Protein backbone atom coordinates (compact mmCIF):
# COMPACT_ATOMS: atom_id res chain seq x y z
CA MET A 1 83.00 142.33 75.12
CA LYS A 2 82.25 138.73 74.17
CA ARG A 3 85.41 138.65 72.15
CA LEU A 4 87.43 139.89 75.14
CA ARG A 5 85.96 137.16 77.37
CA LEU A 6 86.72 134.52 74.74
CA ILE A 7 90.33 135.70 74.47
CA PHE A 8 90.64 135.75 78.26
CA ALA A 9 89.23 132.18 78.54
CA ALA A 10 91.61 130.97 75.81
CA PHE A 11 94.50 132.65 77.66
CA LEU A 12 93.56 130.84 80.90
CA LEU A 13 93.34 127.52 79.06
CA VAL A 14 96.78 127.99 77.51
CA LEU A 15 98.15 129.03 80.90
CA GLN A 16 96.75 125.91 82.58
CA LEU A 17 98.16 123.62 79.91
CA GLY A 18 101.53 125.34 80.07
CA CYS A 19 101.71 124.98 83.85
CA LYS A 20 100.77 121.32 83.86
CA ASP A 21 103.55 119.14 85.28
CA ASN A 22 104.46 116.85 82.41
CA SER A 23 107.45 115.34 84.15
CA SER A 24 107.06 111.71 84.97
CA SER A 25 107.15 110.83 88.63
CA PRO A 26 110.06 108.67 89.70
CA PRO A 27 109.30 104.96 89.79
CA GLN A 28 108.24 103.61 93.16
CA ASN A 29 110.88 101.58 94.88
CA VAL A 30 110.11 97.87 95.03
CA CYS A 31 110.73 96.53 98.51
CA ALA A 32 111.32 92.89 99.30
CA LEU A 33 110.41 90.34 101.94
CA ARG A 34 112.37 87.09 101.62
CA LEU A 35 113.12 83.88 103.46
CA SER A 36 116.83 83.12 103.60
CA PRO A 37 118.47 80.84 102.67
CA ALA A 38 116.18 80.14 99.72
CA GLN A 39 117.38 76.51 99.48
CA SER A 40 118.63 74.35 102.33
CA GLU A 41 119.21 70.68 103.08
CA ILE A 42 119.05 68.98 106.47
CA THR A 43 118.70 65.43 107.77
CA ILE A 44 115.96 63.98 109.96
CA GLY A 45 116.43 65.31 113.50
CA GLU A 46 118.62 68.21 112.38
CA GLU A 47 117.56 71.81 112.99
CA ILE A 48 117.83 74.80 110.68
CA THR A 49 117.11 78.48 111.16
CA LEU A 50 115.73 80.60 108.33
CA THR A 51 115.68 84.39 108.42
CA ILE A 52 112.92 86.68 107.18
CA GLU A 53 114.72 89.56 105.47
CA ALA A 54 113.29 92.98 104.61
CA GLY A 55 114.85 94.92 101.76
CA ASP A 56 114.48 98.56 100.72
CA PHE A 57 111.40 99.50 102.74
CA ASP A 58 110.98 103.22 102.04
CA GLN A 59 107.71 103.56 103.93
CA PRO A 60 108.25 103.38 107.70
CA ILE A 61 106.33 100.67 109.55
CA PHE A 62 105.72 99.99 113.24
CA ALA A 63 104.53 96.39 113.04
CA LEU A 64 103.84 93.60 110.61
CA SER A 65 101.80 90.43 110.55
CA ILE A 66 102.76 87.54 108.28
CA ARG A 67 101.28 84.16 107.46
CA ILE A 68 103.79 81.57 106.28
CA ALA A 69 102.58 78.32 104.70
CA TYR A 70 104.79 75.22 104.90
CA ASP A 71 104.61 71.41 104.72
CA SER A 72 104.50 70.09 108.28
CA ALA A 73 104.95 66.51 107.05
CA ALA A 74 108.66 67.17 106.35
CA VAL A 75 109.59 69.76 108.99
CA ASP A 76 108.40 70.74 112.44
CA PHE A 77 108.26 74.43 113.34
CA LEU A 78 110.08 74.95 116.65
CA ALA A 79 110.36 78.68 117.34
CA ALA A 80 110.43 82.23 116.08
CA GLN A 81 112.62 84.91 117.60
CA LEU A 82 114.11 88.28 116.82
CA PRO A 83 117.56 88.16 115.21
CA ALA A 84 120.53 87.87 117.57
CA GLN A 85 121.92 91.09 116.12
CA THR A 86 119.70 94.16 115.89
CA GLY A 87 117.93 93.79 112.57
CA PHE A 88 115.15 95.64 110.83
CA PHE A 89 113.27 96.38 114.06
CA THR A 90 114.92 97.79 117.18
CA ASP A 91 116.28 95.42 119.81
CA SER A 92 113.27 96.18 122.05
CA ALA A 93 110.75 94.88 119.49
CA ILE A 94 108.48 91.95 120.33
CA CYS A 95 107.98 88.81 118.24
CA PHE A 96 104.89 86.56 118.54
CA ALA A 97 104.45 83.28 116.66
CA GLN A 98 101.67 80.72 116.56
CA SER A 99 101.73 77.62 114.42
CA GLY A 100 98.81 75.59 113.20
CA SER A 101 98.31 72.96 110.56
CA ASP A 102 100.85 73.82 107.85
CA VAL A 103 100.88 77.53 108.77
CA ILE A 104 102.82 79.95 110.97
CA TYR A 105 101.28 83.24 112.06
CA LEU A 106 104.02 85.74 112.92
CA THR A 107 103.72 89.26 114.28
CA VAL A 108 106.64 91.58 115.00
CA THR A 109 106.07 94.97 116.55
CA GLN A 110 107.95 97.85 118.06
CA ILE A 111 107.10 98.79 121.65
CA GLN A 112 104.94 101.91 122.01
CA GLY A 113 107.20 104.94 122.15
CA GLN A 114 109.77 103.42 119.78
CA PRO A 115 110.16 104.87 116.26
CA GLU A 116 108.73 103.40 113.09
CA VAL A 117 111.40 101.62 111.03
CA SER A 118 112.36 101.49 107.37
CA GLY A 119 115.25 100.30 105.24
CA SER A 120 116.63 96.76 105.17
CA GLY A 121 117.51 94.07 107.70
CA SER A 122 116.52 90.85 109.40
CA ILE A 123 112.97 90.76 110.76
CA ALA A 124 112.85 87.38 112.52
CA GLU A 125 114.43 83.94 112.65
CA LEU A 126 112.37 80.76 112.23
CA THR A 127 113.73 77.44 113.48
CA PHE A 128 112.63 74.08 112.03
CA ARG A 129 113.55 70.43 112.62
CA GLY A 130 113.53 67.77 109.91
CA ILE A 131 111.02 65.03 110.80
CA SER A 132 110.54 63.07 107.55
CA THR A 133 112.25 62.77 104.19
CA GLY A 134 110.91 65.13 101.57
CA SER A 135 110.73 68.85 100.89
CA SER A 136 108.89 71.67 102.57
CA SER A 137 108.23 74.80 100.58
CA LEU A 138 107.85 77.89 102.79
CA GLU A 139 105.73 80.66 101.29
CA ILE A 140 104.87 84.08 102.68
CA VAL A 141 101.15 84.37 101.87
CA SER A 142 100.78 87.76 100.19
CA ASP A 143 97.05 88.05 100.99
CA GLU A 144 97.89 87.64 104.68
CA LEU A 145 100.71 90.19 104.82
CA HIS A 146 99.82 93.29 106.83
CA PHE A 147 101.81 96.39 107.80
CA PHE A 148 100.86 98.92 110.48
CA ASN A 149 101.95 102.41 111.50
CA SER A 150 102.49 103.54 115.11
CA ALA A 151 98.80 104.47 115.44
CA GLY A 152 97.84 100.86 114.69
CA VAL A 153 96.40 101.75 111.30
CA GLU A 154 97.07 99.28 108.50
CA ILE A 155 99.17 100.80 105.73
CA GLN A 156 99.45 99.60 102.15
CA ILE A 157 102.79 98.83 100.58
CA MET A 158 101.95 98.54 96.92
CA GLN A 159 105.07 97.06 95.34
CA ILE A 160 106.58 94.23 97.31
CA GLU A 161 108.61 91.30 96.04
CA ILE A 162 108.09 88.16 98.10
CA GLY A 163 110.69 85.38 98.23
CA SER A 164 110.10 81.82 99.35
CA ALA A 165 112.33 79.00 100.60
CA VAL A 166 112.60 75.22 100.34
CA ILE A 167 113.93 72.90 103.03
CA THR A 168 114.84 69.42 101.79
CA VAL A 169 115.04 66.69 104.43
CA SER A 170 116.98 63.47 103.89
CA ASN A 171 117.90 60.44 105.99
CA PRO A 172 120.91 60.85 108.29
């Protein structure tokens, strides 16, 4: 009887090992969040608009909150708005921006009742004016990048490539 139990236990062990899924899971897609153009040159008094671009977002999102660091000695932040053409979010989305000392806080959200979005496209446009010669590096602060679903729950996007930009300001 003991021998029968031992054989049965060995059979179950072999069955479990044989049924184990040894296939490797497909690699997770790396999505991107970039400022475009990455390099630009303007003169003092001239304005430029940069676009925040989303690329290959597989996981649907309803809203995002971004902190962008920049050098306010070289450029002045003027405004943030949704892209003129429908971009990543639907045309009924809302864009909020607040600037402080060398930082822009930006939130873009769908309106309740609208679907979550995924894929690629323009998220928002940021307009700056050159105020002094020099360069301003614009960086999306990864620790202050938050994504939310339609229930308002923060979701984690594990693999995200973040791109920065530089605005160089020269004399007219």
